[in-house]
Protein backbone atom coordinates (compact mmCIF):
# COMPACT_ATOMS: atom_id res chain seq x y z
CA MET A 1 -19.66 115.65 75.22
CA ASP A 2 -21.05 117.52 72.27
CA LYS A 3 -24.58 118.16 73.46
CA LYS A 4 -27.29 119.61 71.26
CA PRO A 5 -28.95 122.87 72.33
CA VAL A 6 -32.20 122.41 74.21
CA GLU A 7 -35.08 124.64 75.15
CA ASN A 8 -34.52 126.66 78.33
CA THR A 9 -37.40 124.91 80.07
CA ASN A 10 -35.59 121.60 79.63
CA VAL A 11 -32.19 122.73 80.92
CA ILE A 12 -31.63 121.01 84.26
CA ASP A 13 -29.15 121.78 87.03
CA LEU A 14 -26.47 119.10 87.14
CA PHE A 15 -26.84 118.59 90.89
CA THR A 16 -30.29 119.77 92.01
CA ARG A 17 -32.09 118.48 88.86
CA LYS A 18 -34.18 121.67 88.88
CA PRO A 19 -34.88 123.73 85.73
CA LEU A 20 -32.43 126.53 84.93
CA ASP A 21 -32.82 129.76 82.99
CA GLU A 22 -30.47 130.49 80.08
CA ASN A 23 -27.99 132.61 82.04
CA GLU A 24 -27.68 130.13 84.89
CA SER A 25 -27.35 127.10 82.61
CA SER A 26 -24.16 128.37 80.97
CA LYS A 27 -22.54 129.57 84.21
CA ILE A 28 -19.15 127.96 84.81
CA ILE A 29 -18.97 126.27 88.21
CA ARG A 30 -15.70 124.31 88.12
CA LEU A 31 -12.31 124.29 86.37
CA ALA A 32 -9.80 121.49 85.81
CA PRO A 33 -6.32 122.54 84.63
CA GLU A 34 -5.07 120.83 81.47
CA MET A 35 -1.85 119.11 82.58
CA ASP A 36 -1.14 116.79 79.65
CA GLY A 37 -0.55 119.33 76.92
CA MET A 38 -3.79 118.85 74.99
CA GLU A 39 -4.46 121.48 72.35
CA MET A 40 -7.39 123.06 70.58
CA LEU A 41 -7.45 122.69 66.79
CA TYR A 42 -8.82 125.58 64.77
CA SER A 43 -8.95 126.92 61.24
CA ASN A 44 -9.54 130.34 59.72
CA ASP A 45 -10.83 131.67 56.44
CA ALA A 46 -7.51 133.28 55.55
CA ASN A 47 -5.81 129.85 55.36
CA PRO A 48 -8.30 127.38 53.85
CA GLY A 49 -7.42 123.74 54.34
CA LYS A 50 -4.90 124.46 57.09
CA LEU A 51 -5.23 123.62 60.79
CA PHE A 52 -3.67 125.53 63.66
CA SER A 53 -3.31 124.54 67.30
CA MET A 54 -3.35 126.32 70.65
CA LYS A 55 -2.56 125.03 74.11
CA ILE A 56 -5.64 124.47 76.27
CA LEU A 57 -5.57 126.33 79.59
CA CYS A 58 -8.19 124.24 81.38
CA TRP A 59 -11.53 122.44 81.10
CA ALA A 60 -14.72 124.00 82.42
CA LEU A 61 -17.98 122.56 83.70
CA THR A 62 -21.20 124.59 83.41
CA ARG A 63 -24.17 124.25 85.73
CA ASP A 64 -26.15 122.30 83.11
CA GLY A 65 -23.39 119.69 82.82
CA ASN A 66 -21.61 120.80 79.63
CA VAL A 67 -17.81 120.51 79.51
CA ASP A 68 -15.46 122.31 77.15
CA ALA A 69 -11.86 123.43 76.89
CA MET A 70 -11.05 127.05 77.70
CA VAL A 71 -8.51 129.14 75.75
CA PRO A 72 -7.43 132.79 76.02
CA TRP A 73 -8.66 134.33 72.76
CA LEU A 74 -8.27 138.00 71.87
CA ASN A 75 -9.63 139.80 74.97
CA ARG A 76 -11.39 137.01 76.86
CA LEU A 77 -11.28 133.39 77.96
CA VAL A 78 -13.59 131.42 75.69
CA PRO A 79 -14.98 127.87 75.40
CA ALA A 80 -13.26 126.21 72.44
CA ARG A 81 -16.45 125.12 70.71
CA GLU A 82 -17.81 128.68 70.79
CA LEU A 83 -14.90 129.89 68.66
CA ASN A 84 -16.57 130.98 65.44
CA ASP A 85 -14.85 134.08 64.10
CA PRO A 86 -14.48 134.07 60.29
CA LEU A 87 -11.13 135.87 60.39
CA ASN A 88 -9.56 134.59 63.60
CA GLY A 89 -10.76 131.03 63.89
CA HIS A 90 -13.27 128.21 63.90
CA TRP A 91 -13.03 125.37 66.40
CA GLU A 92 -12.17 122.07 64.70
CA GLY A 93 -11.47 119.70 67.60
CA TYR A 94 -9.02 118.78 70.36
CA TYR A 95 -5.59 117.21 69.84
CA ASP A 96 -3.78 114.82 72.18
CA SER A 97 -0.10 114.73 71.18
CA PHE A 98 0.63 111.82 73.55
CA HIS A 99 -1.70 109.52 71.61
CA GLU A 100 -1.41 111.53 68.36
CA LEU A 101 -5.19 111.62 68.07
CA ALA A 102 -7.79 114.29 67.42
CA TYR A 103 -11.01 114.30 69.43
CA PHE A 104 -14.35 116.04 69.10
CA GLU A 105 -15.49 115.49 72.68
CA PRO A 106 -13.81 116.38 76.01
CA PRO A 107 -11.77 113.52 77.49
CA GLU A 108 -13.84 111.38 79.85
CA HIS A 109 -11.31 111.60 82.68
CA LYS A 110 -11.64 115.40 82.70
CA VAL A 111 -15.44 115.19 82.71
CA LEU A 112 -15.34 112.84 85.70
CA GLU A 113 -12.81 115.05 87.49
CA LEU A 114 -14.96 118.14 87.02
CA GLU A 115 -18.23 116.53 88.03
CA SER A 116 -16.84 114.84 91.14
CA SER A 117 -14.93 117.91 92.35
CA ALA A 118 -17.88 120.25 91.67
CA ASN A 119 -20.08 117.97 93.74
CA PHE A 120 -17.54 117.76 96.56
CA TYR A 121 -16.90 121.53 96.70
CA ASN A 122 -20.47 122.65 96.00
CA ILE A 123 -21.27 126.07 97.50
CA GLU A 124 -24.85 127.03 98.38
CA SER A 125 -24.27 130.80 98.60
CA GLU A 126 -25.26 133.10 95.71
CA ASP A 127 -22.65 135.73 96.63
CA PRO A 128 -21.00 136.59 93.27
CA GLU A 129 -17.72 137.64 94.90
CA ILE A 130 -16.92 134.22 96.39
CA ILE A 131 -13.78 132.80 94.75
CA LEU A 132 -14.52 129.21 93.81
CA GLN A 133 -11.08 128.43 92.42
CA GLU A 134 -7.82 130.01 91.35
CA ILE A 135 -5.64 127.98 89.01
CA ASN A 136 -2.12 128.63 87.73
CA ASP A 137 -1.61 129.69 84.15
CA ASN A 138 0.58 126.90 82.77
CA ILE A 139 0.56 127.91 79.09
CA GLY A 140 2.44 131.23 79.30
CA THR A 141 -0.43 133.64 78.68
CA HIS A 142 0.42 137.36 78.59
CA ALA A 143 -1.93 140.33 78.86
CA ILE A 144 -1.19 143.36 76.72
CA LEU A 145 -1.84 146.82 78.14
CA SER A 146 -1.82 150.09 76.21
CA GLU A 147 -2.91 153.58 77.23
CA ASP A 148 -2.14 155.37 73.95
CA SER A 149 -3.85 153.37 71.17
CA PHE A 150 -0.94 150.91 70.91
CA LYS A 151 1.78 153.53 70.33
CA THR A 152 3.36 151.87 73.36
CA VAL A 153 2.45 148.54 74.92
CA VAL A 154 3.20 146.67 78.14
CA LEU A 155 3.19 142.87 78.17
CA VAL A 156 2.40 141.30 81.55
CA HIS A 157 2.62 137.60 82.41
CA VAL A 158 -0.65 136.09 83.65
CA THR A 159 0.01 134.33 86.96
CA SER A 160 -3.37 132.70 87.51
CA TRP A 161 -7.05 132.57 86.59
CA ARG A 162 -9.70 133.22 89.23
CA LEU A 163 -13.20 131.69 88.99
CA PHE A 164 -15.93 133.57 90.85
CA ASN A 165 -19.28 132.29 92.07
CA ASP A 166 -21.15 134.09 89.26
CA GLY A 167 -19.08 132.33 86.57
CA ARG A 168 -16.61 135.13 85.86
CA ILE A 169 -13.05 134.02 85.12
CA LEU A 170 -10.46 136.77 85.53
CA ALA A 171 -6.79 136.71 84.57
CA MET A 172 -4.64 137.70 87.54
CA VAL A 173 -1.43 139.65 86.91
CA ALA A 174 1.09 141.13 89.32
CA ASN A 175 1.42 144.77 90.26
CA GLU A 176 5.22 144.95 90.33
CA GLU A 177 5.16 147.82 92.83
CA GLU A 178 3.41 145.58 95.36
CA VAL A 179 5.57 142.45 95.01
CA ASP A 180 6.99 141.60 98.43
CA MET A 181 8.42 138.17 97.68
CA THR A 182 8.99 135.74 94.84
CA PRO A 183 7.89 133.51 93.32
CA ILE A 184 4.47 135.12 92.99
CA LEU A 185 1.92 132.46 93.90
CA VAL A 186 -1.81 131.98 93.42
CA GLY A 187 -3.72 134.25 95.80
CA ASP A 188 -0.85 136.70 96.33
CA GLU A 189 -2.01 140.15 97.44
CA CYS A 190 -0.06 141.81 94.61
CA LEU A 191 -2.34 140.22 91.98
CA TYR A 192 -5.09 142.16 90.24
CA ALA A 193 -7.53 141.31 87.43
CA ALA A 194 -6.15 142.18 84.00
CA GLN A 195 -9.62 142.49 82.42
CA GLU A 196 -10.55 145.17 84.97
CA HIS A 197 -7.50 147.32 84.16
CA GLU A 198 -8.48 150.35 82.08
CA ASN A 199 -5.60 149.75 79.66
CA PHE A 200 -6.17 146.04 79.06
CA ARG A 201 -6.50 145.11 75.38
CA TYR A 202 -5.68 141.48 74.49
CA PHE A 203 -4.23 138.15 75.59
CA PHE A 204 -1.26 136.60 73.78
CA HIS A 205 0.45 133.21 73.92
CA HIS A 206 3.95 133.48 75.39
CA ILE A 207 5.64 132.65 72.07
CA ILE A 208 3.99 135.60 70.34
CA ALA A 209 4.46 137.82 73.39
CA ASN A 210 8.21 137.10 73.45
CA LYS A 211 8.49 137.79 69.72
CA ILE A 212 6.75 141.13 70.19
CA LYS A 213 9.12 141.95 73.08
CA LYS A 214 12.10 141.20 70.82
CA GLY A 215 10.70 143.26 67.96
CA ASP A 216 10.22 140.31 65.60
CA PRO A 217 8.94 141.88 62.33
CA ASP A 218 6.44 139.11 61.54
CA ALA A 219 4.96 139.25 65.05
CA ILE A 220 4.83 143.05 64.95
CA SER A 221 3.14 142.92 61.54
CA ALA A 222 0.52 140.41 62.75
CA PHE A 223 -0.08 142.46 65.90
CA THR A 224 -0.44 145.68 63.87
CA LYS A 225 -2.96 143.99 61.58
CA LEU A 226 -4.98 142.86 64.60
CA VAL A 227 -4.95 146.33 66.10
CA ASP A 228 -6.00 147.98 62.84
CA GLU A 229 -9.06 145.72 62.38
């Protein structure tokens, strides 16, 4: 649903039909995990005419009714269509490998899932610390931590993503010193928010993370270039 921007006075709450201000209109209120392997297509200025793909973590519904895919990108979780970095990427569409088709709008079944579940689990409270959802990370995201300007790095697997009532989405990683049992599940007390860790720097896909762990020269070179910019 590629909706055109509208004036703030015309932005309406999906459920109450009341006008919303700009901050409230873009607030994420519901997530739907991507379970069929759909990907985001993107391009960058360094490779003209070439398309790249990235696994979609989930789909998100905002209070004004917009739906988009969410992907871990550099140091935050971003809506796919907002990707517009000249060096690192421009959103080009969504790709469904099952049907071998590219799309430019979110799949209708995900839109319906989000709208119906958001309506069913609607919360009236404005308390920003209420956890609306916590979903598993099923695309192998890693957080990279460094306390010495990347002279040394620690790669930590993201267990889950936690959506709060104010629209924040935090990546939850395990504090190994507090792990009492395995596997580590959603909501485990050993989990903490990666973005709130003082040494958090970036997110990486598991393929790149594993290459960095193994000292792959191409991955190290790409990582070094990112850090230097």
